[in-house]
C-alpha atoms as a PDB file:
ATOM      1  CA  MET A   1      -8.043 -13.141 -12.292  1.00  0.00           C
ATOM      2  CA  ILE A   2      -7.766 -11.160  -9.075  1.00  0.00           C
ATOM      3  CA  ARG A   3     -10.185  -9.231  -6.888  1.00  0.00           C
ATOM      4  CA  SER A   4      -8.990  -5.640  -6.528  1.00  0.00           C
ATOM      5  CA  LEU A   5     -10.352  -2.536  -4.880  1.00  0.00           C
ATOM      6  CA  LYS A   6     -11.582  -0.144  -7.540  1.00  0.00           C
ATOM      7  CA  PRO A   7      -8.884   2.393  -8.386  1.00  0.00           C
ATOM      8  CA  ASN A   8      -9.703   6.061  -7.839  1.00  0.00           C
ATOM      9  CA  VAL A   9      -7.171   7.113 -10.486  1.00  0.00           C
ATOM     10  CA  THR A  10      -7.535   6.456 -14.204  1.00  0.00           C
ATOM     11  CA  GLN A  11      -4.584   5.868 -16.508  1.00  0.00           C
ATOM     12  CA  ASP A  12      -4.928   9.410 -17.904  1.00  0.00           C
ATOM     13  CA  GLU A  13      -4.974  10.924 -14.404  1.00  0.00           C
ATOM     14  CA  ALA A  14      -1.902   8.922 -13.435  1.00  0.00           C
ATOM     15  CA  LEU A  15      -0.108  10.027 -16.590  1.00  0.00           C
ATOM     16  CA  ARG A  16      -0.943  13.685 -15.847  1.00  0.00           C
ATOM     17  CA  THR A  17       0.346  13.276 -12.295  1.00  0.00           C
ATOM     18  CA  PHE A  18       3.601  11.669 -13.408  1.00  0.00           C
ATOM     19  CA  ARG A  19       4.072  14.432 -16.002  1.00  0.00           C
ATOM     20  CA  ALA A  20       3.134  17.227 -13.568  1.00  0.00           C
ATOM     21  CA  THR A  21       5.213  20.400 -13.497  1.00  0.00           C
ATOM     22  CA  GLY A  22       5.284  20.805  -9.707  1.00  0.00           C
ATOM     23  CA  PHE A  23       8.494  21.053  -7.721  1.00  0.00           C
ATOM     24  CA  SER A  24       8.652  17.408  -6.575  1.00  0.00           C
ATOM     25  CA  SER A  25       7.904  16.106 -10.091  1.00  0.00           C
ATOM     26  CA  LEU A  26      10.499  18.402 -11.604  1.00  0.00           C
ATOM     27  CA  LEU A  27      13.072  17.330  -9.017  1.00  0.00           C
ATOM     28  CA  TRP A  28      12.293  13.649  -9.690  1.00  0.00           C
ATOM     29  CA  ARG A  29      12.770  14.095 -13.455  1.00  0.00           C
ATOM     30  CA  MET A  30      16.024  16.030 -12.944  1.00  0.00           C
ATOM     31  CA  ARG A  31      17.415  13.178 -10.822  1.00  0.00           C
ATOM     32  CA  THR A  32      16.176  10.237 -12.883  1.00  0.00           C
ATOM     33  CA  GLY A  33      15.373  11.426 -16.396  1.00  0.00           C
ATOM     34  CA  PRO A  34      12.169  11.735 -18.424  1.00  0.00           C
ATOM     35  CA  LEU A  35       9.030   9.649 -17.980  1.00  0.00           C
ATOM     36  CA  GLN A  36       9.240   6.632 -20.302  1.00  0.00           C
ATOM     37  CA  ARG A  37       5.992   4.756 -19.557  1.00  0.00           C
ATOM     38  CA  ILE A  38       3.482   3.861 -16.895  1.00  0.00           C
ATOM     39  CA  ALA A  39       1.953   0.567 -15.822  1.00  0.00           C
ATOM     40  CA  GLU A  40      -0.555  -0.757 -13.311  1.00  0.00           C
ATOM     41  CA  ALA A  41       0.548  -3.157 -10.597  1.00  0.00           C
ATOM     42  CA  TYR A  42      -1.474  -5.032  -8.000  1.00  0.00           C
ATOM     43  CA  VAL A  43      -0.294  -5.912  -4.508  1.00  0.00           C
ATOM     44  CA  PRO A  44      -2.011  -8.537  -2.327  1.00  0.00           C
ATOM     45  CA  PHE A  45      -3.159  -7.311   1.084  1.00  0.00           C
ATOM     46  CA  ARG A  46      -4.601  -9.243   4.017  1.00  0.00           C
ATOM     47  CA  LEU A  47      -7.309  -7.772   6.195  1.00  0.00           C
ATOM     48  CA  TYR A  48      -7.083  -7.794   9.993  1.00  0.00           C
ATOM     49  CA  ARG A  49      -9.402  -6.652  12.748  1.00  0.00           C
ATOM     50  CA  VAL A  50      -7.366  -5.188  15.628  1.00  0.00           C
ATOM     51  CA  ARG A  51      -8.775  -4.487  19.088  1.00  0.00           C
ATOM     52  CA  TYR A  52      -7.103  -2.709  22.018  1.00  0.00           C
ATOM     53  CA  ALA A  53      -7.937  -0.510  25.008  1.00  0.00           C
ATOM     54  CA  MET A  54      -7.383   3.254  24.710  1.00  0.00           C
ATOM     55  CA  ASN A  55      -8.175   5.230  27.864  1.00  0.00           C
ATOM     56  CA  ARG A  56     -11.144   3.307  29.197  1.00  0.00           C
ATOM     57  CA  GLU A  57     -12.701   2.474  25.895  1.00  0.00           C
ATOM     58  CA  ARG A  58     -12.243  -0.540  23.597  1.00  0.00           C
ATOM     59  CA  VAL A  59     -11.099   0.403  20.128  1.00  0.00           C
ATOM     60  CA  GLN A  60     -11.603  -1.719  17.026  1.00  0.00           C
ATOM     61  CA  ARG A  61      -9.896  -0.919  13.728  1.00  0.00           C
ATOM     62  CA  ILE A  62      -9.630  -2.717  10.404  1.00  0.00           C
ATOM     63  CA  PHE A  63      -6.231  -2.689   8.733  1.00  0.00           C
ATOM     64  CA  ALA A  64      -4.897  -4.138   5.502  1.00  0.00           C
ATOM     65  CA  MET A  65      -1.227  -5.077   5.308  1.00  0.00           C
ATOM     66  CA  ASP A  66       0.646  -6.101   2.197  1.00  0.00           C
ATOM     67  CA  ALA A  67       1.119  -9.853   1.990  1.00  0.00           C
ATOM     68  CA  VAL A  68       4.421  -9.609   0.099  1.00  0.00           C
ATOM     69  CA  ASP A  69       6.737  -8.591   2.928  1.00  0.00           C
ATOM     70  CA  GLY A  70       4.745  -6.195   5.123  1.00  0.00           C
ATOM     71  CA  SER A  71       6.878  -3.188   4.208  1.00  0.00           C
ATOM     72  CA  LEU A  72       4.233  -0.961   2.592  1.00  0.00           C
ATOM     73  CA  ASP A  73       2.113   1.444   4.621  1.00  0.00           C
ATOM     74  CA  LEU A  74      -0.984   0.005   6.253  1.00  0.00           C
ATOM     75  CA  PHE A  75      -4.410   0.747   4.830  1.00  0.00           C
ATOM     76  CA  GLU A  76      -7.152   1.429   7.310  1.00  0.00           C
ATOM     77  CA  PHE A  77     -10.830   0.891   6.559  1.00  0.00           C
ATOM     78  CA  ARG A  78     -13.827   2.107   8.566  1.00  0.00           C
ATOM     79  CA  THR A  79     -15.620  -1.130   7.707  1.00  0.00           C
ATOM     80  CA  ILE A  80     -14.740  -4.240   5.764  1.00  0.00           C
ATOM     81  CA  PRO A  81     -14.931  -3.334   2.058  1.00  0.00           C
ATOM     82  CA  GLU A  82     -18.154  -4.462   0.383  1.00  0.00           C
ATOM     83  CA  GLU A  83     -18.513  -6.278  -2.944  1.00  0.00           C
ATOM     84  CA  GLY A  84     -19.450  -3.061  -4.790  1.00  0.00           C
ATOM     85  CA  GLN A  85     -16.007  -1.635  -4.006  1.00  0.00           C
ATOM     86  CA  PHE A  86     -14.203  -4.370  -5.955  1.00  0.00           C
ATOM     87  CA  VAL A  87     -13.455  -5.137  -9.574  1.00  0.00           C
ATOM     88  CA  THR A  88     -12.167  -8.328 -11.147  1.00  0.00           C
ATOM     89  CA  VAL A  89      -8.923  -7.753 -13.003  1.00  0.00           C
ATOM     90  CA  GLU A  90      -6.747  -9.876 -15.227  1.00  0.00           C
ATOM     91  CA  SER A  91      -3.141  -8.724 -15.109  1.00  0.00           C
ATOM     92  CA  ARG A  92       0.366 -10.125 -15.211  1.00  0.00           C
ATOM     93  CA  ASN A  93       1.494  -7.325 -12.891  1.00  0.00           C
ATOM     94  CA  CYS A  94       0.413  -9.019  -9.664  1.00  0.00           C
ATOM     95  CA  LEU A  95       2.928  -9.500  -6.903  1.00  0.00           C
ATOM     96  CA  PRO A  96       2.904 -12.826  -5.054  1.00  0.00           C
ATOM     97  CA  GLY A  97       1.866 -12.973  -1.390  1.00  0.00           C
ATOM     98  CA  LEU A  98       4.925 -14.495   0.275  1.00  0.00           C
ATOM     99  CA  LEU A  99       4.588 -13.359   3.902  1.00  0.00           C
ATOM    100  CA  ASP A 100       3.735 -16.202   6.288  1.00  0.00           C
ATOM    101  CA  GLU A 101       1.008 -15.597   8.870  1.00  0.00           C
ATOM    102  CA  VAL A 102       3.283 -15.681  11.956  1.00  0.00           C
ATOM    103  CA  LYS A 103       5.621 -13.045  10.536  1.00  0.00           C
ATOM    104  CA  ALA A 104       2.642 -11.031   9.245  1.00  0.00           C
ATOM    105  CA  ARG A 105       1.113 -10.811  12.726  1.00  0.00           C
ATOM    106  CA  GLN A 106       4.438  -9.728  14.205  1.00  0.00           C
ATOM    107  CA  VAL A 107       4.924  -6.985  11.587  1.00  0.00           C
ATOM    108  CA  LEU A 108       1.303  -5.853  11.927  1.00  0.00           C
ATOM    109  CA  ARG A 109       1.593  -5.682  15.721  1.00  0.00           C
ATOM    110  CA  ASP A 110       4.681  -3.471  15.483  1.00  0.00           C
ATOM    111  CA  LYS A 111       3.047  -1.167  12.931  1.00  0.00           C
ATOM    112  CA  VAL A 112      -0.204  -0.842  14.874  1.00  0.00           C
ATOM    113  CA  LEU A 113       1.638  -0.129  18.128  1.00  0.00           C
ATOM    114  CA  ARG A 114       3.577   2.624  16.350  1.00  0.00           C
ATOM    115  CA  ILE A 115       0.285   4.147  15.141  1.00  0.00           C
ATOM    116  CA  VAL A 116      -1.304   3.899  18.595  1.00  0.00           C
ATOM    117  CA  PHE A 117       1.734   5.405  20.330  1.00  0.00           C
ATOM    118  CA  GLN A 118       1.632   8.344  17.915  1.00  0.00           C
ATOM    119  CA  GLN A 119      -1.947   9.012  19.054  1.00  0.00           C
ATOM    120  CA  GLY A 120      -0.839   9.226  22.655  1.00  0.00           C
ATOM    121  CA  PHE A 121       1.336   6.746  24.482  1.00  0.00           C
ATOM    122  CA  PHE A 122      -0.169   7.593  27.875  1.00  0.00           C
ATOM    123  CA  LYS A 123      -3.707   6.879  26.670  1.00  0.00           C
ATOM    124  CA  LEU A 124      -2.896   3.236  26.002  1.00  0.00           C
ATOM    125  CA  ARG A 125      -3.993   1.164  28.992  1.00  0.00           C
ATOM    126  CA  ASP A 126      -1.887  -1.840  28.060  1.00  0.00           C
ATOM    127  CA  ALA A 127       0.046  -2.862  24.988  1.00  0.00           C
ATOM    128  CA  SER A 128      -2.023  -5.963  24.320  1.00  0.00           C
ATOM    129  CA  LEU A 129      -3.538  -6.141  20.887  1.00  0.00           C
ATOM    130  CA  GLU A 130      -6.100  -8.660  19.730  1.00  0.00           C
ATOM    131  CA  ILE A 131      -5.405  -9.405  16.080  1.00  0.00           C
ATOM    132  CA  GLU A 132      -7.986 -11.308  14.072  1.00  0.00           C
ATOM    133  CA  ALA A 133      -7.178 -12.272  10.495  1.00  0.00           C
ATOM    134  CA  MET A 134     -10.092 -11.775   8.120  1.00  0.00           C
ATOM    135  CA  PRO A 135     -10.639 -14.564   5.577  1.00  0.00           C
ATOM    136  CA  ALA A 136     -10.267 -12.540   2.376  1.00  0.00           C
ATOM    137  CA  GLU A 137      -7.141 -11.436   0.560  1.00  0.00           C
ATOM    138  CA  ILE A 138      -7.615  -8.383  -1.616  1.00  0.00           C
ATOM    139  CA  TYR A 139      -5.413  -6.642  -4.132  1.00  0.00           C
ATOM    140  CA  LEU A 140      -4.768  -2.919  -4.141  1.00  0.00           C
ATOM    141  CA  PRO A 141      -3.908  -1.083  -7.365  1.00  0.00           C
ATOM    142  CA  TYR A 142      -0.848   1.098  -7.891  1.00  0.00           C
ATOM    143  CA  TRP A 143       0.401   3.082 -10.856  1.00  0.00           C
ATOM    144  CA  LEU A 144       4.108   2.845 -11.630  1.00  0.00           C
ATOM    145  CA  GLY A 145       5.873   5.594 -13.566  1.00  0.00           C
ATOM    146  CA  PHE A 146       9.172   4.577 -15.149  1.00  0.00           C
ATOM    147  CA  TYR A 147      11.744   7.334 -15.573  1.00  0.00           C
ATOM    148  CA  GLY A 148      15.244   7.492 -17.029  1.00  0.00           C
ATOM    149  CA  ALA A 149      17.049   5.704 -19.825  1.00  0.00           C
ATOM    150  CA  SER A 150      16.044   2.237 -20.967  1.00  0.00           C
ATOM    151  CA  ASN A 151      19.122   0.673 -19.334  1.00  0.00           C
ATOM    152  CA  SER A 152      18.588   2.349 -15.941  1.00  0.00           C
ATOM    153  CA  LEU A 153      14.908   2.947 -15.247  1.00  0.00           C
ATOM    154  CA  ARG A 154      13.695   4.224 -11.872  1.00  0.00           C
ATOM    155  CA  CYS A 155      10.180   3.671 -10.582  1.00  0.00           C
ATOM    156  CA  ARG A 156       7.867   6.281  -9.057  1.00  0.00           C
ATOM    157  CA  VAL A 157       4.739   4.903  -7.376  1.00  0.00           C
ATOM    158  CA  MET A 158       1.200   6.244  -7.110  1.00  0.00           C
ATOM    159  CA  ASP A 159      -1.336   4.642  -4.789  1.00  0.00           C
ATOM    160  CA  ALA A 160      -4.381   4.334  -7.075  1.00  0.00           C
ATOM    161  CA  VAL A 161      -6.839   4.123  -4.156  1.00  0.00           C
ATOM    162  CA  ARG A 162      -5.594   6.968  -1.954  1.00  0.00           C
ATOM    163  CA  ARG A 163      -4.567   9.088  -4.978  1.00  0.00           C
ATOM    164  CA  ARG A 164      -1.099   9.915  -3.676  1.00  0.00           C
ATOM    165  CA  ILE A 165       2.502   9.566  -4.731  1.00  0.00           C
ATOM    166  CA  GLU A 166       4.335   7.156  -2.453  1.00  0.00           C
ATOM    167  CA  GLY A 167       7.831   7.606  -1.096  1.00  0.00           C
ATOM    168  CA  ALA A 168      11.166   5.881  -1.523  1.00  0.00           C
ATOM    169  CA  LYS A 169      10.064   2.791   0.409  1.00  0.00           C
ATOM    170  CA  ALA A 170       7.371   1.979  -2.169  1.00  0.00           C
ATOM    171  CA  SER A 171       9.689   2.761  -5.091  1.00  0.00           C
ATOM    172  CA  THR A 172      12.284   0.353  -3.692  1.00  0.00           C
ATOM    173  CA  PHE A 173       9.561  -2.256  -3.053  1.00  0.00           C
ATOM    174  CA  PHE A 174       8.473  -2.273  -6.703  1.00  0.00           C
ATOM    175  CA  GLU A 175      11.990  -1.930  -8.137  1.00  0.00           C
ATOM    176  CA  GLN A 176      13.046  -5.044  -6.195  1.00  0.00           C
ATOM    177  CA  TRP A 177      10.016  -6.950  -7.506  1.00  0.00           C
ATOM    178  CA  LEU A 178      10.792  -5.896 -11.081  1.00  0.00           C
ATOM    179  CA  ALA A 179      14.464  -6.879 -10.717  1.00  0.00           C
ATOM    180  CA  ALA A 180      13.617 -10.356  -9.341  1.00  0.00           C
END
């Protein structure tokens, strides 16, 4: 049993998205083959409160980073998610959290600095970040679409919270997990 954020995409909506007739979906099917099946997968994320100085004001943001290897995009929350935003799920499709805390902080620092620099490098007063790990680990839901022939399936990924198709990085992430 895991504690997951409620998905904003149902199985039927995910299926419709993976079967869509838009240009990117058509291109994906031409490269990989037809949609074979879909499945839910759950990735563990750790919550962090990050503080830094931007211009003359102190900024506080709440990020969630995947606890597998830190390679997925960060989630940002306005506030710490409340109990009503979660569901309890029983699934075999849960990735293990393997990232140790020291490495996690290093990866998070690099990712947050990249985000801050994109907002305006010259606004940052100093590059010191205060990173506070929050006690809870949460799981985030994804939909996986499997395309191609049974001996060479490719994975297309939909973030079930943000309702968007992810890129090659997420596809590789899940394909490596499935191959392991």
